[in-house]
C-alpha atoms as a PDB file:
ATOM      1  CA  MET A   1     -13.496  -2.502   8.796  1.00  0.00           C
ATOM      2  CA  LEU A   2      -9.922  -2.335   8.624  1.00  0.00           C
ATOM      3  CA  TYR A   3      -7.862  -4.962   9.951  1.00  0.00           C
ATOM      4  CA  ILE A   4      -3.714  -4.952   9.868  1.00  0.00           C
ATOM      5  CA  ASP A   5      -2.285  -7.762  11.124  1.00  0.00           C
ATOM      6  CA  GLU A   6       1.508  -8.548  12.732  1.00  0.00           C
ATOM      7  CA  GLU A   7       3.026  -9.326   8.932  1.00  0.00           C
ATOM      8  CA  GLN A   8       1.212  -6.150   7.335  1.00  0.00           C
ATOM      9  CA  ASN A   9      -1.423  -8.446   5.512  1.00  0.00           C
ATOM     10  CA  ILE A  10      -4.535  -5.979   5.278  1.00  0.00           C
ATOM     11  CA  THR A  11      -8.299  -6.407   5.526  1.00  0.00           C
ATOM     12  CA  LEU A  12     -10.425  -3.847   4.341  1.00  0.00           C
ATOM     13  CA  THR A  13     -14.485  -3.986   3.833  1.00  0.00           C
ATOM     14  CA  ARG A  14     -15.259  -3.238   0.183  1.00  0.00           C
ATOM     15  CA  GLY A  15     -16.034   0.761  -0.190  1.00  0.00           C
ATOM     16  CA  ASP A  16     -14.440   2.076   3.388  1.00  0.00           C
ATOM     17  CA  THR A  17     -11.754   4.692   3.151  1.00  0.00           C
ATOM     18  CA  ALA A  18      -8.354   3.482   4.793  1.00  0.00           C
ATOM     19  CA  MET A  19      -5.392   5.528   5.764  1.00  0.00           C
ATOM     20  CA  PHE A  20      -2.001   4.291   6.487  1.00  0.00           C
ATOM     21  CA  VAL A  21       0.982   6.353   7.232  1.00  0.00           C
ATOM     22  CA  ILE A  22       3.877   4.327   5.578  1.00  0.00           C
ATOM     23  CA  ALA A  23       7.109   4.794   8.189  1.00  0.00           C
ATOM     24  CA  LEU A  24      10.372   4.917   6.513  1.00  0.00           C
ATOM     25  CA  GLU A  25      13.776   3.782   7.731  1.00  0.00           C
ATOM     26  CA  ASP A  26      17.451   4.027   6.772  1.00  0.00           C
ATOM     27  CA  ASN A  27      19.385   0.449   6.955  1.00  0.00           C
ATOM     28  CA  ASP A  28      20.322   1.249  10.274  1.00  0.00           C
ATOM     29  CA  GLY A  29      16.261   0.868  11.229  1.00  0.00           C
ATOM     30  CA  GLU A  30      16.798   4.968  11.849  1.00  0.00           C
ATOM     31  CA  PRO A  31      14.360   6.959  10.930  1.00  0.00           C
ATOM     32  CA  TYR A  32      14.796   8.359   6.890  1.00  0.00           C
ATOM     33  CA  THR A  33      13.612  12.082   5.847  1.00  0.00           C
ATOM     34  CA  PRO A  34      12.452  11.663   2.114  1.00  0.00           C
ATOM     35  CA  GLN A  35      14.621  13.817  -0.351  1.00  0.00           C
ATOM     36  CA  GLU A  36      14.190  15.274  -3.200  1.00  0.00           C
ATOM     37  CA  GLY A  37      13.828  13.003  -5.817  1.00  0.00           C
ATOM     38  CA  ASP A  38      12.506  10.189  -3.641  1.00  0.00           C
ATOM     39  CA  ARG A  39       9.065   8.197  -4.441  1.00  0.00           C
ATOM     40  CA  LEU A  40       7.077   5.960  -3.038  1.00  0.00           C
ATOM     41  CA  ARG A  41       4.369   3.920  -4.218  1.00  0.00           C
ATOM     42  CA  PHE A  42       1.671   1.242  -3.522  1.00  0.00           C
ATOM     43  CA  ALA A  43       0.597  -1.368  -6.088  1.00  0.00           C
ATOM     44  CA  LEU A  44      -2.415  -3.902  -5.476  1.00  0.00           C
ATOM     45  CA  GLY A  45      -2.757  -7.135  -8.208  1.00  0.00           C
ATOM     46  CA  LYS A  46      -4.317 -10.057  -8.692  1.00  0.00           C
ATOM     47  CA  SER A  47      -1.515 -12.008  -8.053  1.00  0.00           C
ATOM     48  CA  TRP A  48       2.434 -11.395  -7.482  1.00  0.00           C
ATOM     49  CA  GLY A  49       3.666  -9.487 -10.724  1.00  0.00           C
ATOM     50  CA  ARG A  50       0.492  -9.700 -12.788  1.00  0.00           C
ATOM     51  CA  ASP A  51      -2.601  -8.138 -13.534  1.00  0.00           C
ATOM     52  CA  THR A  52      -2.556  -4.955 -11.219  1.00  0.00           C
ATOM     53  CA  ILE A  53      -5.298  -3.284 -10.470  1.00  0.00           C
ATOM     54  CA  LEU A  54      -4.312  -0.195  -8.160  1.00  0.00           C
ATOM     55  CA  VAL A  55      -1.055   1.747  -8.411  1.00  0.00           C
ATOM     56  CA  LYS A  56      -0.959   5.112  -5.841  1.00  0.00           C
ATOM     57  CA  GLU A  57       2.028   7.214  -5.508  1.00  0.00           C
ATOM     58  CA  ILE A  58       2.104   8.115  -1.668  1.00  0.00           C
ATOM     59  CA  PRO A  59       3.047  11.955  -1.218  1.00  0.00           C
ATOM     60  CA  LEU A  60       6.712  12.176   0.597  1.00  0.00           C
ATOM     61  CA  ASP A  61       5.700  15.050   2.654  1.00  0.00           C
ATOM     62  CA  THR A  62       3.286  12.691   4.730  1.00  0.00           C
ATOM     63  CA  CYS A  63       3.989   9.263   3.585  1.00  0.00           C
ATOM     64  CA  LEU A  64       0.126   9.377   3.657  1.00  0.00           C
ATOM     65  CA  LEU A  65      -1.547   6.387   1.777  1.00  0.00           C
ATOM     66  CA  GLU A  66      -5.233   6.842   1.334  1.00  0.00           C
ATOM     67  CA  ILE A  67      -7.047   4.037   0.226  1.00  0.00           C
ATOM     68  CA  GLU A  68     -10.457   5.894  -1.070  1.00  0.00           C
ATOM     69  CA  PRO A  69     -14.270   4.290  -1.470  1.00  0.00           C
ATOM     70  CA  SER A  70     -13.600   4.004  -5.165  1.00  0.00           C
ATOM     71  CA  ASP A  71     -10.574   2.201  -4.759  1.00  0.00           C
ATOM     72  CA  THR A  72     -12.531  -1.143  -4.228  1.00  0.00           C
ATOM     73  CA  LYS A  73     -15.924  -0.343  -4.490  1.00  0.00           C
ATOM     74  CA  GLU A  74     -15.765  -2.524  -7.691  1.00  0.00           C
ATOM     75  CA  LEU A  75     -13.201  -5.416  -6.434  1.00  0.00           C
ATOM     76  CA  ALA A  76     -14.662  -9.095  -5.591  1.00  0.00           C
ATOM     77  CA  PHE A  77     -14.813  -9.962  -2.606  1.00  0.00           C
ATOM     78  CA  ARG A  78     -11.450 -11.685  -2.142  1.00  0.00           C
ATOM     79  CA  THR A  79      -7.469 -12.077  -1.136  1.00  0.00           C
ATOM     80  CA  TYR A  80      -5.704  -9.778  -3.441  1.00  0.00           C
ATOM     81  CA  LYS A  81      -1.052  -9.141  -3.205  1.00  0.00           C
ATOM     82  CA  TYR A  82      -0.115  -5.710  -2.477  1.00  0.00           C
ATOM     83  CA  ASP A  83       2.872  -4.384  -1.905  1.00  0.00           C
ATOM     84  CA  VAL A  84       5.010  -0.631  -1.160  1.00  0.00           C
ATOM     85  CA  GLU A  85       8.126   0.512  -3.043  1.00  0.00           C
ATOM     86  CA  PHE A  86      10.528   2.937  -2.474  1.00  0.00           C
ATOM     87  CA  THR A  87      12.323   4.321  -5.290  1.00  0.00           C
ATOM     88  CA  ASP A  88      15.336   6.800  -3.975  1.00  0.00           C
ATOM     89  CA  ALA A  89      16.640   9.947  -6.276  1.00  0.00           C
ATOM     90  CA  ASP A  90      19.334   7.358  -7.881  1.00  0.00           C
ATOM     91  CA  GLY A  91      16.710   4.645  -8.907  1.00  0.00           C
ATOM     92  CA  HIS A  92      17.698   2.290  -6.817  1.00  0.00           C
ATOM     93  CA  VAL A  93      13.885   0.532  -5.491  1.00  0.00           C
ATOM     94  CA  SER A  94      13.224  -1.448  -2.716  1.00  0.00           C
ATOM     95  CA  THR A  95      10.026  -3.397  -1.644  1.00  0.00           C
ATOM     96  CA  ILE A  96       9.291  -1.918   1.978  1.00  0.00           C
ATOM     97  CA  ILE A  97       6.148  -3.665   2.237  1.00  0.00           C
ATOM     98  CA  LEU A  98       4.385  -7.058   0.337  1.00  0.00           C
ATOM     99  CA  GLY A  99       1.193  -8.951   2.180  1.00  0.00           C
ATOM    100  CA  ASP A 100      -2.067  -9.980   1.784  1.00  0.00           C
ATOM    101  CA  PHE A 101      -4.753  -7.202   1.132  1.00  0.00           C
ATOM    102  CA  THR A 102      -8.666  -8.835   1.183  1.00  0.00           C
ATOM    103  CA  VAL A 103     -11.759  -6.909   0.518  1.00  0.00           C
ATOM    104  CA  ASP A 104     -13.984  -8.372   2.932  1.00  0.00           C
ATOM    105  CA  LYS A 105     -17.674  -8.501   2.048  1.00  0.00           C
ATOM    106  CA  GLU A 106     -20.633  -5.431   2.907  1.00  0.00           C
ATOM    107  CA  VAL A 107     -24.011  -5.796   3.358  1.00  0.00           C
ATOM    108  CA  CYS A 108     -25.111  -3.514   0.561  1.00  0.00           C
END
């Protein structure tokens, strides 16, 4: 099961696949077309700023983040913290999404 609430908090059954398209916007709220040298990455940790357990680069040609079954299969059932950071070609970093990431129970 995958659920994303209005505050960007995610609940995913442990071991499931999840795919998210990350929408990029400029400062005016218009769609942003990635430029050469830009980067987009997802990070998951036990708490803010500590104990990072998963980092994934998100391809800019699709802006598709894929959480694979192996990414969560060994994680404890609990709520983690996550963020998505955009880094432009000049090295400016912007956290564009942050929230809770709950790994939910599975039957087996």
